C-alpha atoms as a PDB file:
ATOM      1  CA  ASN A   1     100.834  76.963 -16.152  1.00  0.00           C
ATOM      2  CA  MET A   2     100.920  73.162 -16.500  1.00  0.00           C
ATOM      3  CA  LEU A   3     100.729  73.450 -20.292  1.00  0.00           C
ATOM      4  CA  ALA A   4     103.770  75.747 -20.348  1.00  0.00           C
ATOM      5  CA  LYS A   5     105.679  73.350 -18.078  1.00  0.00           C
ATOM      6  CA  PHE A   6     104.687  70.455 -20.334  1.00  0.00           C
ATOM      7  CA  PHE A   7     106.047  72.339 -23.352  1.00  0.00           C
ATOM      8  CA  ILE A   8     109.339  73.118 -21.583  1.00  0.00           C
ATOM      9  CA  ASP A   9     109.696  69.485 -20.470  1.00  0.00           C
ATOM     10  CA  LEU A  10     109.410  68.315 -24.091  1.00  0.00           C
ATOM     11  CA  LYS A  11     112.701  70.128 -24.802  1.00  0.00           C
ATOM     12  CA  PHE A  12     111.816  71.515 -28.211  1.00  0.00           C
ATOM     13  CA  PRO A  13     114.598  73.564 -29.820  1.00  0.00           C
ATOM     14  CA  GLU A  14     114.836  77.057 -28.342  1.00  0.00           C
ATOM     15  CA  LEU A  15     113.487  79.117 -31.240  1.00  0.00           C
ATOM     16  CA  ASN A  16     111.514  82.309 -31.641  1.00  0.00           C
ATOM     17  CA  TYR A  17     108.062  80.734 -31.530  1.00  0.00           C
ATOM     18  CA  THR A  18     104.771  82.485 -32.150  1.00  0.00           C
ATOM     19  CA  VAL A  19     101.568  81.091 -30.651  1.00  0.00           C
ATOM     20  CA  SER A  20      98.202  80.837 -32.368  1.00  0.00           C
ATOM     21  CA  TYR A  21      95.052  78.836 -31.739  1.00  0.00           C
ATOM     22  CA  VAL A  22      92.365  76.822 -33.464  1.00  0.00           C
ATOM     23  CA  PRO A  23      89.354  79.075 -34.056  1.00  0.00           C
ATOM     24  CA  SER A  24      85.898  78.352 -32.691  1.00  0.00           C
ATOM     25  CA  ASN A  25      82.795  78.360 -34.831  1.00  0.00           C
ATOM     26  CA  PHE A  26      80.231  81.138 -34.769  1.00  0.00           C
ATOM     27  CA  SER A  27      77.701  79.202 -32.660  1.00  0.00           C
ATOM     28  CA  SER A  28      80.251  78.374 -29.983  1.00  0.00           C
ATOM     29  CA  ILE A  29      81.514  81.966 -29.746  1.00  0.00           C
ATOM     30  CA  HIS A  30      77.948  83.283 -29.589  1.00  0.00           C
ATOM     31  CA  GLU A  31      76.963  80.759 -26.904  1.00  0.00           C
ATOM     32  CA  LYS A  32      80.083  81.020 -24.712  1.00  0.00           C
ATOM     33  CA  GLY A  33      81.110  84.570 -25.443  1.00  0.00           C
ATOM     34  CA  PHE A  34      84.761  83.585 -25.833  1.00  0.00           C
ATOM     35  CA  VAL A  35      87.114  81.220 -27.668  1.00  0.00           C
ATOM     36  CA  PRO A  36      88.530  78.670 -25.181  1.00  0.00           C
ATOM     37  CA  ALA A  37      91.657  77.944 -27.250  1.00  0.00           C
ATOM     38  CA  HIS A  38      92.384  81.689 -27.463  1.00  0.00           C
ATOM     39  CA  LEU A  39      92.286  82.080 -23.673  1.00  0.00           C
ATOM     40  CA  ILE A  40      94.600  79.094 -23.232  1.00  0.00           C
ATOM     41  CA  ALA A  41      96.975  80.305 -25.965  1.00  0.00           C
ATOM     42  CA  HIS A  42      97.072  83.800 -24.453  1.00  0.00           C
ATOM     43  CA  HIS A  43      97.990  82.448 -21.008  1.00  0.00           C
ATOM     44  CA  PHE A  44     100.536  80.033 -22.521  1.00  0.00           C
ATOM     45  CA  SER A  45     102.201  82.806 -24.553  1.00  0.00           C
ATOM     46  CA  ASP A  46     102.305  85.143 -21.532  1.00  0.00           C
ATOM     47  CA  ILE A  47     104.058  82.552 -19.371  1.00  0.00           C
ATOM     48  CA  LEU A  48     106.646  81.636 -22.007  1.00  0.00           C
ATOM     49  CA  GLY A  49     107.051  85.140 -23.446  1.00  0.00           C
ATOM     50  CA  PHE A  50     106.046  84.150 -26.972  1.00  0.00           C
ATOM     51  CA  PRO A  51     104.026  86.546 -29.139  1.00  0.00           C
ATOM     52  CA  ILE A  52     100.488  85.491 -30.031  1.00  0.00           C
ATOM     53  CA  ILE A  53      98.725  85.949 -33.365  1.00  0.00           C
ATOM     54  CA  ASN A  54      95.255  85.176 -34.660  1.00  0.00           C
ATOM     55  CA  LEU A  55      96.095  83.261 -37.843  1.00  0.00           C
ATOM     56  CA  PHE A  56      92.707  81.812 -38.701  1.00  0.00           C
ATOM     57  CA  SER A  57      89.067  82.606 -39.317  1.00  0.00           C
ATOM     58  CA  SER A  58      86.347  79.991 -39.231  1.00  0.00           C
ATOM     59  CA  LYS A  59      83.287  79.789 -41.429  1.00  0.00           C
ATOM     60  CA  THR A  60      81.905  76.751 -39.609  1.00  0.00           C
ATOM     61  CA  HIS A  61      78.484  77.162 -38.046  1.00  0.00           C
ATOM     62  CA  LYS A  62      77.914  73.835 -36.301  1.00  0.00           C
ATOM     63  CA  ARG A  63      79.690  73.034 -33.058  1.00  0.00           C
ATOM     64  CA  GLN A  64      82.109  70.104 -33.412  1.00  0.00           C
ATOM     65  CA  ALA A  65      80.915  68.618 -30.099  1.00  0.00           C
ATOM     66  CA  GLN A  66      77.499  67.936 -31.652  1.00  0.00           C
ATOM     67  CA  LEU A  67      78.871  65.935 -34.589  1.00  0.00           C
ATOM     68  CA  ASP A  68      80.113  62.400 -35.221  1.00  0.00           C
ATOM     69  CA  TYR A  69      83.576  61.632 -36.643  1.00  0.00           C
ATOM     70  CA  ARG A  70      82.644  61.897 -40.337  1.00  0.00           C
ATOM     71  CA  LYS A  71      80.585  65.039 -39.880  1.00  0.00           C
ATOM     72  CA  ARG A  72      83.359  66.722 -37.855  1.00  0.00           C
ATOM     73  CA  ASN A  73      85.711  66.434 -40.818  1.00  0.00           C
ATOM     74  CA  GLU A  74      83.044  67.733 -43.214  1.00  0.00           C
ATOM     75  CA  ASN A  75      82.210  70.614 -40.861  1.00  0.00           C
ATOM     76  CA  VAL A  76      85.738  72.075 -40.939  1.00  0.00           C
ATOM     77  CA  LYS A  77      86.883  71.005 -44.410  1.00  0.00           C
ATOM     78  CA  ASN A  78      87.828  74.163 -46.327  1.00  0.00           C
ATOM     79  CA  LYS A  79      85.990  76.330 -43.780  1.00  0.00           C
ATOM     80  CA  ILE A  80      88.999  77.460 -41.758  1.00  0.00           C
ATOM     81  CA  LYS A  81      91.009  80.094 -43.582  1.00  0.00           C
ATOM     82  CA  LEU A  82      94.503  81.459 -43.055  1.00  0.00           C
ATOM     83  CA  ILE A  83      94.176  85.239 -42.597  1.00  0.00           C
ATOM     84  CA  HIS A  84      97.843  86.206 -42.061  1.00  0.00           C
ATOM     85  CA  VAL A  85     101.215  85.074 -43.310  1.00  0.00           C
ATOM     86  CA  PRO A  86     102.328  82.522 -40.724  1.00  0.00           C
ATOM     87  CA  PRO A  87     105.564  82.933 -38.791  1.00  0.00           C
ATOM     88  CA  LYS A  88     108.417  80.481 -39.373  1.00  0.00           C
ATOM     89  CA  ASN A  89     108.047  78.733 -35.987  1.00  0.00           C
ATOM     90  CA  ILE A  90     104.486  78.294 -34.786  1.00  0.00           C
ATOM     91  CA  ILE A  91     102.755  76.603 -31.867  1.00  0.00           C
ATOM     92  CA  ILE A  92      99.036  75.962 -32.403  1.00  0.00           C
ATOM     93  CA  ILE A  93      96.887  75.541 -29.287  1.00  0.00           C
ATOM     94  CA  ASP A  94      93.515  73.800 -29.156  1.00  0.00           C
ATOM     95  CA  ASP A  95      91.355  73.192 -26.117  1.00  0.00           C
ATOM     96  CA  VAL A  96      90.025  69.702 -26.882  1.00  0.00           C
ATOM     97  CA  TYR A  97      91.198  67.049 -29.357  1.00  0.00           C
ATOM     98  CA  THR A  98      88.475  64.539 -30.183  1.00  0.00           C
ATOM     99  CA  THR A  99      88.903  63.374 -33.771  1.00  0.00           C
ATOM    100  CA  GLY A 100      91.644  65.804 -34.774  1.00  0.00           C
ATOM    101  CA  ALA A 101      89.553  67.363 -37.555  1.00  0.00           C
ATOM    102  CA  SER A 102      90.160  70.983 -36.513  1.00  0.00           C
ATOM    103  CA  MET A 103      93.857  70.539 -35.723  1.00  0.00           C
ATOM    104  CA  ASN A 104      94.391  68.651 -38.985  1.00  0.00           C
ATOM    105  CA  GLU A 105      92.644  71.387 -40.951  1.00  0.00           C
ATOM    106  CA  VAL A 106      94.825  74.180 -39.504  1.00  0.00           C
ATOM    107  CA  GLY A 107      97.905  71.977 -39.808  1.00  0.00           C
ATOM    108  CA  ASN A 108      97.207  71.440 -43.502  1.00  0.00           C
ATOM    109  CA  LEU A 109      97.010  75.207 -43.982  1.00  0.00           C
ATOM    110  CA  LEU A 110     100.464  75.656 -42.414  1.00  0.00           C
ATOM    111  CA  ILE A 111     102.414  72.504 -43.300  1.00  0.00           C
ATOM    112  CA  ASN A 112     104.488  73.931 -46.153  1.00  0.00           C
ATOM    113  CA  LYS A 113     104.576  77.502 -44.879  1.00  0.00           C
ATOM    114  CA  CYS A 114     106.471  77.045 -41.581  1.00  0.00           C
ATOM    115  CA  ASP A 115     109.858  75.673 -40.575  1.00  0.00           C
ATOM    116  CA  VAL A 116     108.567  74.315 -37.241  1.00  0.00           C
ATOM    117  CA  LEU A 117     104.896  73.517 -36.622  1.00  0.00           C
ATOM    118  CA  ILE A 118     103.856  72.261 -33.181  1.00  0.00           C
ATOM    119  CA  GLY A 119     100.279  71.417 -32.168  1.00  0.00           C
ATOM    120  CA  ILE A 120      99.312  71.207 -28.493  1.00  0.00           C
ATOM    121  CA  THR A 121      95.920  70.407 -27.002  1.00  0.00           C
ATOM    122  CA  VAL A 122      94.851  70.658 -23.392  1.00  0.00           C
ATOM    123  CA  ALA A 123      92.528  67.649 -23.331  1.00  0.00           C
ATOM    124  CA  LYS A 124      91.855  64.521 -25.335  1.00  0.00           C
ATOM    125  CA  ALA A 125      88.189  63.554 -25.519  1.00  0.00           C
ATOM    126  CA  TYR A 126      87.193  59.943 -25.981  1.00  0.00           C
ATOM    127  CA  ARG A 127      83.880  58.765 -27.316  1.00  0.00           C
ATOM    128  CA  TYR A 128      82.523  55.558 -25.943  1.00  0.00           C
ATOM    129  CA  SER A 129      79.473  53.591 -27.009  1.00  0.00           C
ATOM    130  CA  PHE A 130      77.744  51.632 -24.353  1.00  0.00           C
ATOM    131  CA  ASN A 131      75.580  48.605 -24.978  1.00  0.00           C
ATOM    132  CA  SER A 132      72.273  49.515 -23.328  1.00  0.00           C
ATOM    133  CA  SER A 133      71.245  45.831 -23.108  1.00  0.00           C
ATOM    134  CA  LEU A 134      73.878  45.045 -20.465  1.00  0.00           C
END
């Protein structure tokens, strides 16, 4: 509900948008039993009346949360595939943005194929290192 309000408040052009989501890897789906970004995208599309489509498949096996910045990029590089022709105006939903590796990968797959490409995430994760000697 808040995500839909946030989108409306941004005052994007009123177009016929289609919603999709960043795919989860096999391990995450197996462990959780669902794809968090899909649930969020489904709710978002229901509230705003936009159709939803599964545009991507993922061949990644490691969970992004277990990896550092460099390994996150390697984990998704060329492992997310476009499985449908994308619509002209697309909103991509992701649950958590940490380094941007997943969102960048799906964005690169769509960048020259869509008229309007919008990426929205629910949360931004920060990684902190703490000095244990303090």
